[in-house]
Amino acid sequence: MLKSDSQAWFFRGLRNVLEGSIFISPQVQLSDILGNFRRRGPASYEKLTFREHQILMMVIQGWRGKEIADQLDLSPKTVSTHLVRVMKKLNIHDIPGLVRFGVRQGLIPLR
């Protein structure tokens, strides 16, 4: 669903989801979705180093950069560098995207 979709499309999508189906905005290209899925699959996750995985887990659990740095005895700049590498390897460009990735991969439970 895109922000630019009409109210009618929103309610159609909501109805589909409530019925257990999926809904993709008519403006979204299926090839874009499949391309993103392929790039974000387990293979890219497996490329993370131990430290990158550690920082990813802390970020998706809500830790801030300074807190991570203090906990792992690293500089905030080092934490930031690791986080940039994680995002590049996973082709994810923001923290909410990392959290969604964590949920989809089963790294963090939904409550």
PDB file of N, CA and C in Angstrom:
ATOM      1  N   MET A   1       0.851  -1.162   0.000  1.00  0.00           N
ATOM      2  CA  MET A   1       0.000   0.000   0.000  1.00  0.00           C
ATOM      3  C   MET A   1       0.901   1.231   0.000  1.00  0.00           C
ATOM      4  N   LEU A   2       0.585   2.167  -0.840  1.00  0.00           N
ATOM      5  CA  LEU A   2       1.345   3.412  -0.920  1.00  0.00           C
ATOM      6  C   LEU A   2       0.549   4.563  -0.308  1.00  0.00           C
ATOM      7  N   LYS A   3       1.259   5.548   0.211  1.00  0.00           N
ATOM      8  CA  LYS A   3       0.591   6.715   0.783  1.00  0.00           C
ATOM      9  C   LYS A   3      -0.284   7.418  -0.250  1.00  0.00           C
ATOM     10  N   SER A   4       0.143   7.333  -1.494  1.00  0.00           N
ATOM     11  CA  SER A   4      -0.591   8.044  -2.549  1.00  0.00           C
ATOM     12  C   SER A   4      -1.833   7.288  -3.021  1.00  0.00           C
ATOM     13  N   ASP A   5      -2.055   6.064  -2.551  1.00  0.00           N
ATOM     14  CA  ASP A   5      -3.240   5.311  -2.952  1.00  0.00           C
ATOM     15  C   ASP A   5      -4.512   5.992  -2.430  1.00  0.00           C
ATOM     16  N   SER A   6      -5.587   5.824  -3.171  1.00  0.00           N
ATOM     17  CA  SER A   6      -6.852   6.446  -2.779  1.00  0.00           C
ATOM     18  C   SER A   6      -7.450   5.735  -1.566  1.00  0.00           C
ATOM     19  N   GLN A   7      -8.432   6.371  -0.985  1.00  0.00           N
ATOM     20  CA  GLN A   7      -9.122   5.797   0.173  1.00  0.00           C
ATOM     21  C   GLN A   7      -9.805   4.488  -0.224  1.00  0.00           C
ATOM     22  N   ALA A   8     -10.348   4.437  -1.418  1.00  0.00           N
ATOM     23  CA  ALA A   8     -11.008   3.216  -1.886  1.00  0.00           C
ATOM     24  C   ALA A   8     -10.015   2.049  -1.941  1.00  0.00           C
ATOM     25  N   TRP A   9      -8.792   2.319  -2.451  1.00  0.00           N
ATOM     26  CA  TRP A   9      -7.776   1.265  -2.493  1.00  0.00           C
ATOM     27  C   TRP A   9      -7.367   0.840  -1.083  1.00  0.00           C
ATOM     28  N   PHE A  10      -7.305   1.821  -0.166  1.00  0.00           N
ATOM     29  CA  PHE A  10      -6.959   1.509   1.218  1.00  0.00           C
ATOM     30  C   PHE A  10      -7.971   0.517   1.803  1.00  0.00           C
ATOM     31  N   PHE A  11      -9.251   0.806   1.641  1.00  0.00           N
ATOM     32  CA  PHE A  11     -10.275  -0.073   2.216  1.00  0.00           C
ATOM     33  C   PHE A  11     -10.318  -1.428   1.505  1.00  0.00           C
ATOM     34  N   ARG A  12     -10.055  -1.434   0.213  1.00  0.00           N
ATOM     35  CA  ARG A  12      -9.989  -2.711  -0.508  1.00  0.00           C
ATOM     36  C   ARG A  12      -8.830  -3.550   0.037  1.00  0.00           C
ATOM     37  N   GLY A  13      -7.689  -2.911   0.226  1.00  0.00           N
ATOM     38  CA  GLY A  13      -6.526  -3.611   0.774  1.00  0.00           C
ATOM     39  C   GLY A  13      -6.776  -4.104   2.186  1.00  0.00           C
ATOM     40  N   LEU A  14      -7.384  -3.267   3.014  1.00  0.00           N
ATOM     41  CA  LEU A  14      -7.693  -3.656   4.389  1.00  0.00           C
ATOM     42  C   LEU A  14      -8.629  -4.861   4.401  1.00  0.00           C
ATOM     43  N   ARG A  15      -9.631  -4.839   3.555  1.00  0.00           N
ATOM     44  CA  ARG A  15     -10.573  -5.960   3.459  1.00  0.00           C
ATOM     45  C   ARG A  15      -9.845  -7.247   3.061  1.00  0.00           C
ATOM     46  N   ASN A  16      -8.951  -7.157   2.077  1.00  0.00           N
ATOM     47  CA  ASN A  16      -8.181  -8.330   1.656  1.00  0.00           C
ATOM     48  C   ASN A  16      -7.356  -8.901   2.797  1.00  0.00           C
ATOM     49  N   VAL A  17      -6.668  -8.026   3.523  1.00  0.00           N
ATOM     50  CA  VAL A  17      -5.810  -8.473   4.617  1.00  0.00           C
ATOM     51  C   VAL A  17      -6.642  -9.111   5.724  1.00  0.00           C
ATOM     52  N   LEU A  18      -7.774  -8.509   6.059  1.00  0.00           N
ATOM     53  CA  LEU A  18      -8.635  -9.061   7.100  1.00  0.00           C
ATOM     54  C   LEU A  18      -9.203 -10.422   6.709  1.00  0.00           C
ATOM     55  N   GLU A  19      -9.324 -10.656   5.413  1.00  0.00           N
ATOM     56  CA  GLU A  19      -9.804 -11.949   4.921  1.00  0.00           C
ATOM     57  C   GLU A  19      -8.678 -12.965   4.785  1.00  0.00           C
ATOM     58  N   GLY A  20      -7.474 -12.573   5.177  1.00  0.00           N
ATOM     59  CA  GLY A  20      -6.343 -13.491   5.149  1.00  0.00           C
ATOM     60  C   GLY A  20      -5.575 -13.498   3.843  1.00  0.00           C
ATOM     61  N   SER A  21      -5.863 -12.547   2.988  1.00  0.00           N
ATOM     62  CA  SER A  21      -5.191 -12.465   1.701  1.00  0.00           C
ATOM     63  C   SER A  21      -4.135 -11.359   1.755  1.00  0.00           C
ATOM     64  N   ILE A  22      -3.463 -11.152   0.655  1.00  0.00           N
ATOM     65  CA  ILE A  22      -2.511 -10.055   0.575  1.00  0.00           C
ATOM     66  C   ILE A  22      -3.071  -8.994  -0.357  1.00  0.00           C
ATOM     67  N   PHE A  23      -2.505  -7.805  -0.265  1.00  0.00           N
ATOM     68  CA  PHE A  23      -2.906  -6.729  -1.151  1.00  0.00           C
ATOM     69  C   PHE A  23      -1.677  -5.959  -1.560  1.00  0.00           C
ATOM     70  N   ILE A  24      -1.533  -5.728  -2.828  1.00  0.00           N
ATOM     71  CA  ILE A  24      -0.431  -4.939  -3.359  1.00  0.00           C
ATOM     72  C   ILE A  24      -1.031  -3.804  -4.160  1.00  0.00           C
ATOM     73  N   SER A  25      -0.585  -2.614  -3.862  1.00  0.00           N
ATOM     74  CA  SER A  25      -1.074  -1.440  -4.565  1.00  0.00           C
ATOM     75  C   SER A  25      -0.920  -1.637  -6.072  1.00  0.00           C
ATOM     76  N   PRO A  26      -1.897  -1.180  -6.851  1.00  0.00           N
ATOM     77  CA  PRO A  26      -1.782  -1.326  -8.304  1.00  0.00           C
ATOM     78  C   PRO A  26      -0.606  -0.535  -8.892  1.00  0.00           C
ATOM     79  N   GLN A  27      -0.076   0.414  -8.119  1.00  0.00           N
ATOM     80  CA  GLN A  27       1.046   1.213  -8.599  1.00  0.00           C
ATOM     81  C   GLN A  27       2.394   0.520  -8.394  1.00  0.00           C
ATOM     82  N   VAL A  28       2.395  -0.580  -7.639  1.00  0.00           N
ATOM     83  CA  VAL A  28       3.635  -1.284  -7.322  1.00  0.00           C
ATOM     84  C   VAL A  28       3.884  -2.366  -8.376  1.00  0.00           C
ATOM     85  N   GLN A  29       5.107  -2.430  -8.855  1.00  0.00           N
ATOM     86  CA  GLN A  29       5.476  -3.436  -9.842  1.00  0.00           C
ATOM     87  C   GLN A  29       5.883  -4.719  -9.112  1.00  0.00           C
ATOM     88  N   LEU A  30       5.359  -5.840  -9.521  1.00  0.00           N
ATOM     89  CA  LEU A  30       5.691  -7.116  -8.890  1.00  0.00           C
ATOM     90  C   LEU A  30       7.185  -7.399  -8.980  1.00  0.00           C
ATOM     91  N   SER A  31       7.827  -6.995 -10.049  1.00  0.00           N
ATOM     92  CA  SER A  31       9.265  -7.230 -10.191  1.00  0.00           C
ATOM     93  C   SER A  31      10.055  -6.477  -9.119  1.00  0.00           C
ATOM     94  N   ASP A  32       9.569  -5.300  -8.705  1.00  0.00           N
ATOM     95  CA  ASP A  32      10.223  -4.557  -7.624  1.00  0.00           C
ATOM     96  C   ASP A  32      10.144  -5.322  -6.313  1.00  0.00           C
ATOM     97  N   ILE A  33       8.985  -5.882  -6.044  1.00  0.00           N
ATOM     98  CA  ILE A  33       8.797  -6.638  -4.803  1.00  0.00           C
ATOM     99  C   ILE A  33       9.687  -7.869  -4.796  1.00  0.00           C
ATOM    100  N   LEU A  34       9.687  -8.608  -5.870  1.00  0.00           N
ATOM    101  CA  LEU A  34      10.498  -9.820  -5.926  1.00  0.00           C
ATOM    102  C   LEU A  34      11.977  -9.498  -5.887  1.00  0.00           C
ATOM    103  N   GLY A  35      12.385  -8.407  -6.512  1.00  0.00           N
ATOM    104  CA  GLY A  35      13.783  -8.001  -6.470  1.00  0.00           C
ATOM    105  C   GLY A  35      14.227  -7.676  -5.064  1.00  0.00           C
ATOM    106  N   ASN A  36      13.400  -6.946  -4.319  1.00  0.00           N
ATOM    107  CA  ASN A  36      13.726  -6.620  -2.928  1.00  0.00           C
ATOM    108  C   ASN A  36      13.769  -7.873  -2.075  1.00  0.00           C
ATOM    109  N   PHE A  37      12.847  -8.796  -2.309  1.00  0.00           N
ATOM    110  CA  PHE A  37      12.826 -10.033  -1.526  1.00  0.00           C
ATOM    111  C   PHE A  37      14.096 -10.838  -1.771  1.00  0.00           C
ATOM    112  N   ARG A  38      14.504 -10.927  -3.003  1.00  0.00           N
ATOM    113  CA  ARG A  38      15.712 -11.697  -3.320  1.00  0.00           C
ATOM    114  C   ARG A  38      16.947 -11.073  -2.673  1.00  0.00           C
ATOM    115  N   ARG A  39      17.042  -9.746  -2.698  1.00  0.00           N
ATOM    116  CA  ARG A  39      18.208  -9.076  -2.123  1.00  0.00           C
ATOM    117  C   ARG A  39      18.244  -9.161  -0.605  1.00  0.00           C
ATOM    118  N   ARG A  40      17.084  -9.303   0.028  1.00  0.00           N
ATOM    119  CA  ARG A  40      17.017  -9.290   1.488  1.00  0.00           C
ATOM    120  C   ARG A  40      16.899 -10.681   2.080  1.00  0.00           C
ATOM    121  N   GLY A  41      17.071 -11.688   1.291  1.00  0.00           N
ATOM    122  CA  GLY A  41      16.905 -13.046   1.776  1.00  0.00           C
ATOM    123  C   GLY A  41      17.977 -13.464   2.754  1.00  0.00           C
ATOM    124  N   PRO A  42      17.860 -14.687   3.268  1.00  0.00           N
ATOM    125  CA  PRO A  42      18.810 -15.198   4.255  1.00  0.00           C
ATOM    126  C   PRO A  42      20.259 -15.149   3.800  1.00  0.00           C
ATOM    127  N   ALA A  43      20.509 -15.274   2.502  1.00  0.00           N
ATOM    128  CA  ALA A  43      21.892 -15.272   2.018  1.00  0.00           C
ATOM    129  C   ALA A  43      22.596 -13.965   2.406  1.00  0.00           C
ATOM    130  N   SER A  44      21.910 -12.834   2.278  1.00  0.00           N
ATOM    131  CA  SER A  44      22.541 -11.568   2.640  1.00  0.00           C
ATOM    132  C   SER A  44      22.717 -11.467   4.157  1.00  0.00           C
ATOM    133  N   TYR A  45      21.791 -12.026   4.917  1.00  0.00           N
ATOM    134  CA  TYR A  45      21.893 -12.008   6.376  1.00  0.00           C
ATOM    135  C   TYR A  45      23.092 -12.834   6.836  1.00  0.00           C
ATOM    136  N   GLU A  46      23.348 -13.922   6.169  1.00  0.00           N
ATOM    137  CA  GLU A  46      24.460 -14.799   6.535  1.00  0.00           C
ATOM    138  C   GLU A  46      25.818 -14.148   6.280  1.00  0.00           C
ATOM    139  N   LYS A  47      25.858 -13.091   5.495  1.00  0.00           N
ATOM    140  CA  LYS A  47      27.115 -12.404   5.205  1.00  0.00           C
ATOM    141  C   LYS A  47      27.553 -11.478   6.333  1.00  0.00           C
ATOM    142  N   LEU A  48      26.691 -11.264   7.327  1.00  0.00           N
ATOM    143  CA  LEU A  48      27.048 -10.372   8.425  1.00  0.00           C
ATOM    144  C   LEU A  48      28.117 -11.012   9.305  1.00  0.00           C
ATOM    145  N   THR A  49      29.039 -10.178   9.767  1.00  0.00           N
ATOM    146  CA  THR A  49      30.043 -10.659  10.708  1.00  0.00           C
ATOM    147  C   THR A  49      29.385 -10.809  12.078  1.00  0.00           C
ATOM    148  N   PHE A  50      30.106 -11.434  13.000  1.00  0.00           N
ATOM    149  CA  PHE A  50      29.586 -11.595  14.356  1.00  0.00           C
ATOM    150  C   PHE A  50      29.234 -10.240  14.957  1.00  0.00           C
ATOM    151  N   ARG A  51      30.129  -9.269  14.843  1.00  0.00           N
ATOM    152  CA  ARG A  51      29.911  -7.946  15.427  1.00  0.00           C
ATOM    153  C   ARG A  51      28.738  -7.249  14.754  1.00  0.00           C
ATOM    154  N   GLU A  52      28.621  -7.362  13.431  1.00  0.00           N
ATOM    155  CA  GLU A  52      27.494  -6.755  12.726  1.00  0.00           C
ATOM    156  C   GLU A  52      26.178  -7.372  13.194  1.00  0.00           C
ATOM    157  N   HIS A  53      26.178  -8.681  13.354  1.00  0.00           N
ATOM    158  CA  HIS A  53      24.980  -9.365  13.835  1.00  0.00           C
ATOM    159  C   HIS A  53      24.634  -8.880  15.245  1.00  0.00           C
ATOM    160  N   GLN A  54      25.638  -8.758  16.080  1.00  0.00           N
ATOM    161  CA  GLN A  54      25.450  -8.300  17.454  1.00  0.00           C
ATOM    162  C   GLN A  54      24.814  -6.905  17.472  1.00  0.00           C
ATOM    163  N   ILE A  55      25.340  -6.015  16.667  1.00  0.00           N
ATOM    164  CA  ILE A  55      24.821  -4.644  16.617  1.00  0.00           C
ATOM    165  C   ILE A  55      23.430  -4.615  16.001  1.00  0.00           C
ATOM    166  N   LEU A  56      23.207  -5.399  14.958  1.00  0.00           N
ATOM    167  CA  LEU A  56      21.870  -5.491  14.364  1.00  0.00           C
ATOM    168  C   LEU A  56      20.857  -5.908  15.423  1.00  0.00           C
ATOM    169  N   MET A  57      21.168  -6.940  16.191  1.00  0.00           N
ATOM    170  CA  MET A  57      20.246  -7.429  17.212  1.00  0.00           C
ATOM    171  C   MET A  57      19.946  -6.345  18.248  1.00  0.00           C
ATOM    172  N   MET A  58      20.951  -5.609  18.645  1.00  0.00           N
ATOM    173  CA  MET A  58      20.738  -4.562  19.642  1.00  0.00           C
ATOM    174  C   MET A  58      19.899  -3.416  19.071  1.00  0.00           C
ATOM    175  N   VAL A  59      20.147  -3.062  17.827  1.00  0.00           N
ATOM    176  CA  VAL A  59      19.386  -1.980  17.187  1.00  0.00           C
ATOM    177  C   VAL A  59      17.919  -2.372  17.064  1.00  0.00           C
ATOM    178  N   ILE A  60      17.644  -3.583  16.596  1.00  0.00           N
ATOM    179  CA  ILE A  60      16.241  -3.967  16.404  1.00  0.00           C
ATOM    180  C   ILE A  60      15.521  -4.195  17.730  1.00  0.00           C
ATOM    181  N   GLN A  61      16.288  -4.314  18.802  1.00  0.00           N
ATOM    182  CA  GLN A  61      15.674  -4.420  20.131  1.00  0.00           C
ATOM    183  C   GLN A  61      15.485  -3.050  20.774  1.00  0.00           C
ATOM    184  N   GLY A  62      15.906  -1.987  20.079  1.00  0.00           N
ATOM    185  CA  GLY A  62      15.643  -0.632  20.546  1.00  0.00           C
ATOM    186  C   GLY A  62      16.809   0.089  21.204  1.00  0.00           C
ATOM    187  N   TRP A  63      17.983  -0.515  21.197  1.00  0.00           N
ATOM    188  CA  TRP A  63      19.155   0.146  21.788  1.00  0.00           C
ATOM    189  C   TRP A  63      19.573   1.312  20.892  1.00  0.00           C
ATOM    190  N   ARG A  64      20.084   2.354  21.484  1.00  0.00           N
ATOM    191  CA  ARG A  64      20.628   3.502  20.751  1.00  0.00           C
ATOM    192  C   ARG A  64      22.126   3.312  20.567  1.00  0.00           C
ATOM    193  N   GLY A  65      22.688   4.033  19.599  1.00  0.00           N
ATOM    194  CA  GLY A  65      24.103   3.891  19.261  1.00  0.00           C
ATOM    195  C   GLY A  65      25.046   4.062  20.446  1.00  0.00           C
ATOM    196  N   LYS A  66      24.813   5.082  21.242  1.00  0.00           N
ATOM    197  CA  LYS A  66      25.664   5.340  22.410  1.00  0.00           C
ATOM    198  C   LYS A  66      25.554   4.199  23.422  1.00  0.00           C
ATOM    199  N   GLU A  67      24.357   3.691  23.622  1.00  0.00           N
ATOM    200  CA  GLU A  67      24.151   2.572  24.549  1.00  0.00           C
ATOM    201  C   GLU A  67      24.881   1.321  24.066  1.00  0.00           C
ATOM    202  N   ILE A  68      24.806   1.080  22.760  1.00  0.00           N
ATOM    203  CA  ILE A  68      25.499  -0.078  22.176  1.00  0.00           C
ATOM    204  C   ILE A  68      26.999   0.087  22.362  1.00  0.00           C
ATOM    205  N   ALA A  69      27.490   1.283  22.066  1.00  0.00           N
ATOM    206  CA  ALA A  69      28.925   1.556  22.212  1.00  0.00           C
ATOM    207  C   ALA A  69      29.379   1.311  23.644  1.00  0.00           C
ATOM    208  N   ASP A  70      28.622   1.805  24.617  1.00  0.00           N
ATOM    209  CA  ASP A  70      28.975   1.606  26.024  1.00  0.00           C
ATOM    210  C   ASP A  70      28.950   0.125  26.400  1.00  0.00           C
ATOM    211  N   GLN A  71      27.916  -0.581  25.965  1.00  0.00           N
ATOM    212  CA  GLN A  71      27.761  -1.999  26.314  1.00  0.00           C
ATOM    213  C   GLN A  71      28.871  -2.859  25.706  1.00  0.00           C
ATOM    214  N   LEU A  72      29.251  -2.560  24.463  1.00  0.00           N
ATOM    215  CA  LEU A  72      30.243  -3.383  23.769  1.00  0.00           C
ATOM    216  C   LEU A  72      31.659  -2.825  23.875  1.00  0.00           C
ATOM    217  N   ASP A  73      31.803  -1.737  24.617  1.00  0.00           N
ATOM    218  CA  ASP A  73      33.098  -1.082  24.788  1.00  0.00           C
ATOM    219  C   ASP A  73      33.711  -0.690  23.439  1.00  0.00           C
ATOM    220  N   LEU A  74      32.887  -0.025  22.628  1.00  0.00           N
ATOM    221  CA  LEU A  74      33.293   0.479  21.319  1.00  0.00           C
ATOM    222  C   LEU A  74      33.042   1.982  21.290  1.00  0.00           C
ATOM    223  N   SER A  75      33.615   2.642  20.309  1.00  0.00           N
ATOM    224  CA  SER A  75      33.294   4.055  20.136  1.00  0.00           C
ATOM    225  C   SER A  75      31.964   4.154  19.381  1.00  0.00           C
ATOM    226  N   PRO A  76      31.216   5.231  19.600  1.00  0.00           N
ATOM    227  CA  PRO A  76      29.977   5.420  18.838  1.00  0.00           C
ATOM    228  C   PRO A  76      30.217   5.416  17.329  1.00  0.00           C
ATOM    229  N   LYS A  77      31.356   5.927  16.887  1.00  0.00           N
ATOM    230  CA  LYS A  77      31.693   5.943  15.457  1.00  0.00           C
ATOM    231  C   LYS A  77      31.838   4.516  14.925  1.00  0.00           C
ATOM    232  N   THR A  78      32.459   3.631  15.708  1.00  0.00           N
ATOM    233  CA  THR A  78      32.619   2.235  15.287  1.00  0.00           C
ATOM    234  C   THR A  78      31.253   1.560  15.172  1.00  0.00           C
ATOM    235  N   VAL A  79      30.382   1.822  16.124  1.00  0.00           N
ATOM    236  CA  VAL A  79      29.023   1.266  16.062  1.00  0.00           C
ATOM    237  C   VAL A  79      28.328   1.760  14.806  1.00  0.00           C
ATOM    238  N   SER A  80      28.462   3.048  14.532  1.00  0.00           N
ATOM    239  CA  SER A  80      27.845   3.628  13.346  1.00  0.00           C
ATOM    240  C   SER A  80      28.388   2.989  12.066  1.00  0.00           C
ATOM    241  N   THR A  81      29.684   2.765  12.016  1.00  0.00           N
ATOM    242  CA  THR A  81      30.304   2.131  10.844  1.00  0.00           C
ATOM    243  C   THR A  81      29.757   0.721  10.645  1.00  0.00           C
ATOM    244  N   HIS A  82      29.665  -0.041  11.723  1.00  0.00           N
ATOM    245  CA  HIS A  82      29.105  -1.395  11.620  1.00  0.00           C
ATOM    246  C   HIS A  82      27.655  -1.349  11.135  1.00  0.00           C
ATOM    247  N   LEU A  83      26.888  -0.401  11.661  1.00  0.00           N
ATOM    248  CA  LEU A  83      25.488  -0.300  11.275  1.00  0.00           C
ATOM    249  C   LEU A  83      25.339   0.054   9.797  1.00  0.00           C
ATOM    250  N   VAL A  84      26.190   0.930   9.313  1.00  0.00           N
ATOM    251  CA  VAL A  84      26.167   1.274   7.885  1.00  0.00           C
ATOM    252  C   VAL A  84      26.462   0.033   7.042  1.00  0.00           C
ATOM    253  N   ARG A  85      27.426  -0.781   7.470  1.00  0.00           N
ATOM    254  CA  ARG A  85      27.753  -2.011   6.738  1.00  0.00           C
ATOM    255  C   ARG A  85      26.595  -2.995   6.754  1.00  0.00           C
ATOM    256  N   VAL A  86      25.927  -3.111   7.893  1.00  0.00           N
ATOM    257  CA  VAL A  86      24.757  -3.998   7.994  1.00  0.00           C
ATOM    258  C   VAL A  86      23.697  -3.559   7.002  1.00  0.00           C
ATOM    259  N   MET A  87      23.398  -2.266   6.998  1.00  0.00           N
ATOM    260  CA  MET A  87      22.361  -1.751   6.100  1.00  0.00           C
ATOM    261  C   MET A  87      22.735  -1.966   4.636  1.00  0.00           C
ATOM    262  N   LYS A  88      23.996  -1.783   4.326  1.00  0.00           N
ATOM    263  CA  LYS A  88      24.438  -1.978   2.947  1.00  0.00           C
ATOM    264  C   LYS A  88      24.310  -3.445   2.553  1.00  0.00           C
ATOM    265  N   LYS A  89      24.759  -4.362   3.423  1.00  0.00           N
ATOM    266  CA  LYS A  89      24.689  -5.789   3.110  1.00  0.00           C
ATOM    267  C   LYS A  89      23.256  -6.273   2.964  1.00  0.00           C
ATOM    268  N   LEU A  90      22.344  -5.714   3.761  1.00  0.00           N
ATOM    269  CA  LEU A  90      20.943  -6.142   3.711  1.00  0.00           C
ATOM    270  C   LEU A  90      20.111  -5.314   2.741  1.00  0.00           C
ATOM    271  N   ASN A  91      20.715  -4.267   2.177  1.00  0.00           N
ATOM    272  CA  ASN A  91      20.006  -3.352   1.280  1.00  0.00           C
ATOM    273  C   ASN A  91      18.767  -2.770   1.961  1.00  0.00           C
ATOM    274  N   ILE A  92      18.974  -2.339   3.198  1.00  0.00           N
ATOM    275  CA  ILE A  92      17.926  -1.697   3.983  1.00  0.00           C
ATOM    276  C   ILE A  92      18.466  -0.323   4.365  1.00  0.00           C
ATOM    277  N   HIS A  93      17.609   0.696   4.260  1.00  0.00           N
ATOM    278  CA  HIS A  93      18.116   2.054   4.355  1.00  0.00           C
ATOM    279  C   HIS A  93      17.691   2.837   5.592  1.00  0.00           C
ATOM    280  N   ASP A  94      16.983   2.191   6.523  1.00  0.00           N
ATOM    281  CA  ASP A  94      16.589   2.901   7.737  1.00  0.00           C
ATOM    282  C   ASP A  94      16.348   1.917   8.875  1.00  0.00           C
ATOM    283  N   ILE A  95      16.258   2.441  10.097  1.00  0.00           N
ATOM    284  CA  ILE A  95      16.088   1.608  11.280  1.00  0.00           C
ATOM    285  C   ILE A  95      14.742   0.860  11.257  1.00  0.00           C
ATOM    286  N   PRO A  96      13.631   1.521  10.911  1.00  0.00           N
ATOM    287  CA  PRO A  96      12.378   0.762  10.842  1.00  0.00           C
ATOM    288  C   PRO A  96      12.466  -0.408   9.855  1.00  0.00           C
ATOM    289  N   GLY A  97      13.203  -0.219   8.771  1.00  0.00           N
ATOM    290  CA  GLY A  97      13.407  -1.320   7.823  1.00  0.00           C
ATOM    291  C   GLY A  97      14.174  -2.462   8.453  1.00  0.00           C
ATOM    292  N   LEU A  98      15.156  -2.141   9.282  1.00  0.00           N
ATOM    293  CA  LEU A  98      15.896  -3.188   9.992  1.00  0.00           C
ATOM    294  C   LEU A  98      14.992  -3.933  10.962  1.00  0.00           C
ATOM    295  N   VAL A  99      14.115  -3.206  11.634  1.00  0.00           N
ATOM    296  CA  VAL A  99      13.187  -3.854  12.569  1.00  0.00           C
ATOM    297  C   VAL A  99      12.240  -4.784  11.814  1.00  0.00           C
ATOM    298  N   ARG A 100      11.702  -4.322  10.690  1.00  0.00           N
ATOM    299  CA  ARG A 100      10.833  -5.194   9.879  1.00  0.00           C
ATOM    300  C   ARG A 100      11.600  -6.435   9.433  1.00  0.00           C
ATOM    301  N   PHE A 101      12.835  -6.256   9.015  1.00  0.00           N
ATOM    302  CA  PHE A 101      13.669  -7.379   8.612  1.00  0.00           C
ATOM    303  C   PHE A 101      13.825  -8.357   9.780  1.00  0.00           C
ATOM    304  N   GLY A 102      14.098  -7.829  10.970  1.00  0.00           N
ATOM    305  CA  GLY A 102      14.266  -8.669  12.149  1.00  0.00           C
ATOM    306  C   GLY A 102      13.026  -9.484  12.457  1.00  0.00           C
ATOM    307  N   VAL A 103      11.863  -8.861  12.318  1.00  0.00           N
ATOM    308  CA  VAL A 103      10.603  -9.573  12.563  1.00  0.00           C
ATOM    309  C   VAL A 103      10.398 -10.649  11.504  1.00  0.00           C
ATOM    310  N   ARG A 104      10.605 -10.303  10.235  1.00  0.00           N
ATOM    311  CA  ARG A 104      10.403 -11.270   9.148  1.00  0.00           C
ATOM    312  C   ARG A 104      11.356 -12.462   9.237  1.00  0.00           C
ATOM    313  N   GLN A 105      12.556 -12.205   9.711  1.00  0.00           N
ATOM    314  CA  GLN A 105      13.545 -13.284   9.821  1.00  0.00           C
ATOM    315  C   GLN A 105      13.398 -14.057  11.125  1.00  0.00           C
ATOM    316  N   GLY A 106      12.481 -13.635  11.981  1.00  0.00           N
ATOM    317  CA  GLY A 106      12.285 -14.313  13.259  1.00  0.00           C
ATOM    318  C   GLY A 106      13.355 -13.985  14.286  1.00  0.00           C
ATOM    319  N   LEU A 107      14.061 -12.876  14.087  1.00  0.00           N
ATOM    320  CA  LEU A 107      15.125 -12.482  15.015  1.00  0.00           C
ATOM    321  C   LEU A 107      14.556 -11.880  16.296  1.00  0.00           C
ATOM    322  N   ILE A 108      13.381 -11.258  16.171  1.00  0.00           N
ATOM    323  CA  ILE A 108      12.698 -10.720  17.345  1.00  0.00           C
ATOM    324  C   ILE A 108      11.228 -11.126  17.267  1.00  0.00           C
ATOM    325  N   PRO A 109      10.643 -11.444  18.395  1.00  0.00           N
ATOM    326  CA  PRO A 109       9.240 -11.861  18.381  1.00  0.00           C
ATOM    327  C   PRO A 109       8.294 -10.660  18.311  1.00  0.00           C
ATOM    328  N   LEU A 110       7.124 -10.889  17.755  1.00  0.00           N
ATOM    329  CA  LEU A 110       6.057  -9.880  17.820  1.00  0.00           C
ATOM    330  C   LEU A 110       5.319 -10.085  19.127  1.00  0.00           C
ATOM    331  N   ARG A 111       5.028  -9.002  19.801  1.00  0.00           N
ATOM    332  CA  ARG A 111       4.317  -9.128  21.089  1.00  0.00           C
ATOM    333  C   ARG A 111       2.906  -8.674  20.955  1.00  0.00           C
TER     334      ARG A 111
END
